[in-house]
Amino acid sequence: MPLLRLLALLLLPLLCAQAFAQAPTPPTASELRGRLAALAERKLPEAEQRAAQQALEQALASLAQAEDLRAQREALRATVAAAPQRTREARAELARLRQENPKADLRFDWVPYDRISAHLKRAVIAAEDAKFTEHEGVDWDAIEKAWERNLVRGRVSHGGSTITMQLAKNLFLSGERSYLRKGQELVITYMIEAVMSKRRILEIYLNVAEWGTGVFGAEAGARHHFGVPAARLGPGQAARMAAMLPRPRYYDANPGSAALARRSAFVARWMGSIDPP
């Protein structure tokens, strides 16, 4: 079993127990380090052992965030039935815009799932999470590949995030890149998958995703970039919008980007094989 997945199996149940307040006596740091010592008996390569130690220390730190996770759990329960208005990410962007213009506001219009083009649903899944309907919130293969790239680079530059993980970040977490934040993201991801259907997860994601400077949600994005409602997006338009998701503000300011054109073509080529929920 790959190292990262093994660590997750050890740590995620503990984190989730804290988040749902099911553990009357939380495990101590020394108890968790004992689990790492057991891993050492597997004679892992030195580099992997150091990486495991770092991951464990970050996960241990996330245990201190239990109270915040409990608050997020209550917010999540409310989100199941409600239409989120402004995510943490959107509020941060609004604050940034108002530093330059006190009257600035966001463009955002919530639309139900049935009023979002099926082309956009296919395109977003193809671009961001091809296994969205198959996994339970986490694509371990993608995370392990991101982990390997980060070890080579010596910093967290790739996250391997699924749509559900991105939604967890957009709703509740900062944009910080660290293993601590990734641990929190994993816990909230499993919470989301436990209480929401895939259809509901995708509906919320499409309505809160950023599609340009101050532009949030599929409806505002479609009108901003193409002058049409989200329901009327064609395949090419949908592919282009999905291709913008990794860097929406940059591509909003640089619509002629060659990278955007290449990514759009890639999405258009694969989106036809996607069957959205």
Protein backbone atom coordinates (compact mmCIF):
# COMPACT_ATOMS: atom_id res chain seq x y z
CA MET A 1 0.00 0.00 0.00
CA PRO A 2 1.51 3.42 -0.95
CA LEU A 3 2.87 5.41 1.99
CA LEU A 4 0.53 8.41 1.67
CA ARG A 5 -2.58 6.23 1.57
CA LEU A 6 -1.35 4.26 4.58
CA LEU A 7 -0.85 7.45 6.58
CA ALA A 8 -4.31 8.65 5.60
CA LEU A 9 -5.89 5.41 6.80
CA LEU A 10 -4.17 5.91 10.15
CA LEU A 11 -4.94 9.58 10.58
CA LEU A 12 -8.23 10.39 8.85
CA PRO A 13 -10.42 8.32 11.21
CA LEU A 14 -8.89 10.20 14.11
CA LEU A 15 -9.42 13.58 12.47
CA CYS A 16 -13.00 12.73 11.48
CA ALA A 17 -13.77 11.51 14.99
CA GLN A 18 -12.62 14.86 16.35
CA ALA A 19 -14.58 16.76 13.73
CA PHE A 20 -17.81 14.96 14.58
CA ALA A 21 -17.09 15.02 18.32
CA GLN A 22 -17.27 11.25 18.56
CA ALA A 23 -13.99 10.73 20.42
CA PRO A 24 -14.42 11.40 24.16
CA THR A 25 -10.65 11.02 24.70
CA PRO A 26 -8.66 12.31 21.72
CA PRO A 27 -5.40 10.44 21.04
CA THR A 28 -2.25 12.15 22.26
CA ALA A 29 0.64 13.20 20.09
CA SER A 30 2.83 10.51 21.62
CA GLU A 31 0.26 7.85 20.71
CA LEU A 32 0.23 9.01 17.09
CA ARG A 33 4.04 9.07 17.00
CA GLY A 34 3.93 5.51 18.22
CA ARG A 35 2.03 4.66 15.07
CA LEU A 36 4.78 6.28 13.03
CA ALA A 37 7.38 4.21 14.89
CA ALA A 38 5.46 1.12 13.80
CA LEU A 39 5.73 2.32 10.23
CA ALA A 40 9.50 2.60 10.65
CA GLU A 41 9.67 -1.14 11.18
CA ARG A 42 8.65 -1.51 7.54
CA LYS A 43 12.15 -0.24 6.68
CA LEU A 44 10.99 2.66 4.54
CA PRO A 45 13.64 4.54 2.55
CA GLU A 46 15.11 7.44 4.52
CA ALA A 47 13.55 10.10 2.28
CA GLU A 48 10.09 8.57 2.62
CA GLN A 49 10.54 8.28 6.38
CA ARG A 50 11.35 11.99 6.63
CA ALA A 51 8.38 12.82 4.44
CA ALA A 52 6.14 10.65 6.62
CA GLN A 53 7.39 12.40 9.74
CA GLN A 54 6.62 15.80 8.21
CA ALA A 55 3.16 14.69 7.14
CA LEU A 56 2.45 13.33 10.60
CA GLU A 57 3.57 16.52 12.33
CA GLN A 58 1.30 18.55 10.07
CA ALA A 59 -1.60 16.21 10.74
CA LEU A 60 -0.97 16.40 14.48
CA ALA A 61 -1.17 20.17 14.28
CA SER A 62 -4.53 19.89 12.55
CA LEU A 63 -5.94 18.12 15.62
CA ALA A 64 -5.81 21.51 17.32
CA GLN A 65 -8.36 22.73 14.79
CA ALA A 66 -11.13 20.43 16.11
CA GLU A 67 -13.32 23.25 17.39
CA ASP A 68 -13.12 25.02 14.04
CA LEU A 69 -14.06 21.79 12.29
CA ARG A 70 -17.09 21.38 14.54
CA ALA A 71 -18.22 24.87 13.56
CA GLN A 72 -17.69 24.00 9.91
CA ARG A 73 -19.75 20.86 10.41
CA GLU A 74 -22.72 22.97 11.55
CA ALA A 75 -22.24 25.33 8.61
CA LEU A 76 -22.10 22.34 6.29
CA ARG A 77 -25.40 21.02 7.57
CA ALA A 78 -26.99 24.36 6.74
CA THR A 79 -25.38 24.32 3.29
CA VAL A 80 -27.06 21.03 2.35
CA ALA A 81 -30.45 22.74 2.03
CA ALA A 82 -29.48 26.35 1.43
CA ALA A 83 -27.92 28.13 -1.53
CA PRO A 84 -24.56 29.53 -0.33
CA GLN A 85 -24.35 33.23 -1.10
CA ARG A 86 -20.70 34.12 -0.59
CA THR A 87 -18.00 31.62 0.16
CA ARG A 88 -14.94 32.35 2.23
CA GLU A 89 -12.97 32.67 -1.00
CA ALA A 90 -15.50 35.13 -2.45
CA ARG A 91 -15.47 37.25 0.70
CA ALA A 92 -11.69 37.41 0.57
CA GLU A 93 -11.80 38.50 -3.08
CA LEU A 94 -14.41 41.18 -2.30
CA ALA A 95 -12.22 42.54 0.50
CA ARG A 96 -9.30 42.71 -1.92
CA LEU A 97 -11.34 44.52 -4.57
CA ARG A 98 -12.68 47.03 -2.05
CA GLN A 99 -9.17 48.02 -1.07
CA GLU A 100 -8.91 49.46 -4.57
CA ASN A 101 -12.55 50.53 -4.94
CA PRO A 102 -14.75 50.81 -1.82
CA LYS A 103 -17.87 50.44 -4.02
CA ALA A 104 -16.74 47.23 -5.72
CA ASP A 105 -19.05 44.24 -5.62
CA LEU A 106 -19.10 40.68 -6.88
CA ARG A 107 -21.03 39.36 -9.86
CA PHE A 108 -22.92 36.31 -8.64
CA ASP A 109 -26.30 34.76 -9.42
CA TRP A 110 -27.27 31.38 -8.04
CA VAL A 111 -29.04 29.11 -10.53
CA PRO A 112 -30.41 25.60 -9.89
CA TYR A 113 -28.72 22.54 -11.36
CA ASP A 114 -31.24 22.16 -14.18
CA ARG A 115 -30.47 25.69 -15.42
CA ILE A 116 -26.78 24.95 -15.96
CA SER A 117 -25.74 23.60 -19.35
CA ALA A 118 -24.96 19.88 -19.43
CA HIS A 119 -21.97 20.86 -21.59
CA LEU A 120 -20.51 22.86 -18.69
CA LYS A 121 -21.07 19.99 -16.25
CA ARG A 122 -19.23 17.60 -18.57
CA ALA A 123 -16.46 20.10 -19.26
CA VAL A 124 -15.80 20.89 -15.60
CA ILE A 125 -15.66 17.22 -14.63
CA ALA A 126 -13.33 16.47 -17.57
CA ALA A 127 -11.07 19.38 -16.64
CA GLU A 128 -11.01 19.12 -12.86
CA ASP A 129 -11.97 15.62 -11.72
CA ALA A 130 -12.52 12.91 -14.32
CA LYS A 131 -13.29 10.32 -11.61
CA PHE A 132 -15.80 12.57 -9.83
CA THR A 133 -18.71 10.12 -10.02
CA GLU A 134 -16.53 7.14 -9.07
CA HIS A 135 -14.61 8.16 -5.95
CA GLU A 136 -15.83 9.05 -2.45
CA GLY A 137 -14.42 12.55 -2.46
CA VAL A 138 -10.70 11.81 -2.70
CA ASP A 139 -8.73 10.59 -5.71
CA TRP A 140 -5.77 8.97 -3.97
CA ASP A 141 -3.89 8.32 -7.18
CA ALA A 142 -3.96 12.04 -8.01
CA ILE A 143 -2.90 12.98 -4.47
CA GLU A 144 0.01 10.55 -4.52
CA LYS A 145 1.23 11.97 -7.84
CA ALA A 146 0.95 15.50 -6.42
CA TRP A 147 2.81 14.38 -3.27
CA GLU A 148 5.68 13.04 -5.40
CA ARG A 149 5.89 16.26 -7.42
CA ASN A 150 5.91 18.33 -4.21
CA LEU A 151 8.75 16.25 -2.74
CA VAL A 152 10.81 16.88 -5.87
CA ARG A 153 10.08 20.62 -5.80
CA GLY A 154 10.51 20.93 -2.03
CA ARG A 155 7.26 22.85 -1.63
CA VAL A 156 3.51 22.37 -1.93
CA SER A 157 2.75 23.33 -5.53
CA HIS A 158 0.26 20.59 -6.48
CA GLY A 159 -2.68 19.35 -4.43
CA GLY A 160 -4.39 16.66 -6.48
CA SER A 161 -7.73 18.10 -5.39
CA THR A 162 -11.05 16.67 -6.54
CA ILE A 163 -14.18 18.76 -7.12
CA THR A 164 -15.37 17.92 -3.60
CA MET A 165 -12.01 18.91 -2.11
CA GLN A 166 -12.08 22.20 -4.03
CA LEU A 167 -15.58 22.82 -2.72
CA ALA A 168 -14.37 22.20 0.84
CA LYS A 169 -11.65 24.79 0.31
CA ASN A 170 -13.96 27.32 -1.35
CA LEU A 171 -16.61 27.07 1.36
CA PHE A 172 -14.51 26.86 4.50
CA LEU A 173 -10.75 27.21 4.05
CA SER A 174 -8.11 29.72 3.03
CA GLY A 175 -6.05 29.48 -0.13
CA GLU A 176 -2.91 28.63 1.86
CA ARG A 177 -0.81 25.79 0.45
CA SER A 178 0.35 23.54 3.29
CA TYR A 179 -0.03 19.97 4.49
CA LEU A 180 -1.96 21.24 7.52
CA ARG A 181 -4.58 22.86 5.31
CA LYS A 182 -4.66 19.75 3.11
CA GLY A 183 -5.41 17.65 6.20
CA GLN A 184 -8.33 19.92 7.09
CA GLU A 185 -9.52 19.76 3.48
CA LEU A 186 -9.58 15.96 3.56
CA VAL A 187 -11.69 15.88 6.72
CA ILE A 188 -14.24 18.38 5.37
CA THR A 189 -14.31 16.53 2.04
CA TYR A 190 -15.45 13.33 3.71
CA MET A 191 -18.03 15.31 5.69
CA ILE A 192 -19.42 16.79 2.46
CA GLU A 193 -19.59 13.42 0.73
CA ALA A 194 -21.37 11.95 3.76
CA VAL A 195 -24.25 14.43 3.62
CA MET A 196 -24.54 15.50 -0.03
CA SER A 197 -25.25 13.71 -3.30
CA LYS A 198 -22.84 14.08 -6.22
CA ARG A 199 -25.47 16.16 -8.01
CA ARG A 200 -25.71 18.58 -5.08
CA ILE A 201 -21.93 18.80 -4.75
CA LEU A 202 -21.59 19.68 -8.43
CA GLU A 203 -24.47 22.15 -8.26
CA ILE A 204 -22.84 24.07 -5.42
CA TYR A 205 -19.39 23.89 -6.99
CA LEU A 206 -20.60 25.32 -10.28
CA ASN A 207 -22.38 28.11 -8.45
CA VAL A 208 -19.43 29.20 -6.29
CA ALA A 209 -16.45 28.62 -8.62
CA GLU A 210 -14.50 31.72 -9.63
CA TRP A 211 -14.54 32.65 -13.30
CA GLY A 212 -12.78 35.99 -13.38
CA THR A 213 -12.03 39.06 -11.28
CA GLY A 214 -15.06 39.42 -9.02
CA VAL A 215 -17.01 36.84 -11.06
CA PHE A 216 -18.39 33.83 -9.19
CA GLY A 217 -20.69 31.07 -10.34
CA ALA A 218 -21.61 29.61 -13.72
CA GLU A 219 -24.38 32.12 -14.41
CA ALA A 220 -22.23 35.19 -13.82
CA GLY A 221 -19.33 33.54 -15.64
CA ALA A 222 -21.39 32.69 -18.72
CA ARG A 223 -22.83 36.20 -18.94
CA HIS A 224 -19.43 37.83 -18.33
CA HIS A 225 -17.51 35.85 -20.94
CA PHE A 226 -20.16 35.03 -23.55
CA GLY A 227 -23.22 37.20 -22.85
CA VAL A 228 -25.52 34.20 -22.41
CA PRO A 229 -27.08 32.47 -19.36
CA ALA A 230 -25.42 29.32 -18.04
CA ALA A 231 -28.23 27.21 -19.50
CA ARG A 232 -27.32 28.23 -23.06
CA LEU A 233 -23.58 27.57 -23.04
CA GLY A 234 -22.46 25.55 -26.04
CA PRO A 235 -19.74 22.86 -26.01
CA GLY A 236 -16.91 25.18 -27.05
CA GLN A 237 -17.92 27.88 -24.60
CA ALA A 238 -18.23 25.33 -21.80
CA ALA A 239 -14.79 23.88 -22.57
CA ARG A 240 -13.24 27.33 -22.43
CA MET A 241 -14.90 28.18 -19.11
CA ALA A 242 -13.77 24.88 -17.59
CA ALA A 243 -10.25 25.49 -18.86
CA MET A 244 -10.15 28.80 -16.98
CA LEU A 245 -10.74 27.30 -13.54
CA PRO A 246 -7.10 26.87 -12.43
CA ARG A 247 -6.29 30.56 -13.06
CA PRO A 248 -9.58 32.43 -13.58
CA ARG A 249 -8.33 35.96 -12.94
CA TYR A 250 -5.27 35.52 -15.13
CA TYR A 251 -7.27 34.08 -18.03
CA ASP A 252 -9.93 36.76 -17.56
CA ALA A 253 -7.23 39.40 -18.06
CA ASN A 254 -5.48 37.38 -20.82
CA PRO A 255 -8.22 35.81 -22.97
CA GLY A 256 -5.82 35.27 -25.85
CA SER A 257 -3.50 33.07 -23.80
CA ALA A 258 -2.05 30.16 -25.79
CA ALA A 259 -2.15 28.01 -22.65
CA LEU A 260 -5.88 28.65 -22.31
CA ALA A 261 -6.43 27.68 -25.95
CA ARG A 262 -4.49 24.43 -25.51
CA ARG A 263 -6.31 23.55 -22.31
CA SER A 264 -9.69 24.36 -23.89
CA ALA A 265 -8.94 22.03 -26.79
CA PHE A 266 -7.96 19.26 -24.37
CA VAL A 267 -11.20 19.66 -22.39
CA ALA A 268 -13.29 19.74 -25.57
CA ARG A 269 -11.69 16.49 -26.70
CA TRP A 270 -12.51 14.59 -23.48
CA MET A 271 -15.75 16.10 -22.21
CA GLY A 272 -17.95 14.04 -24.54
CA SER A 273 -17.12 10.87 -22.60
CA ILE A 274 -18.31 12.31 -19.28
CA ASP A 275 -21.72 11.39 -17.87
CA PRO A 276 -22.57 14.01 -15.20
CA PRO A 277 -24.76 13.13 -12.19
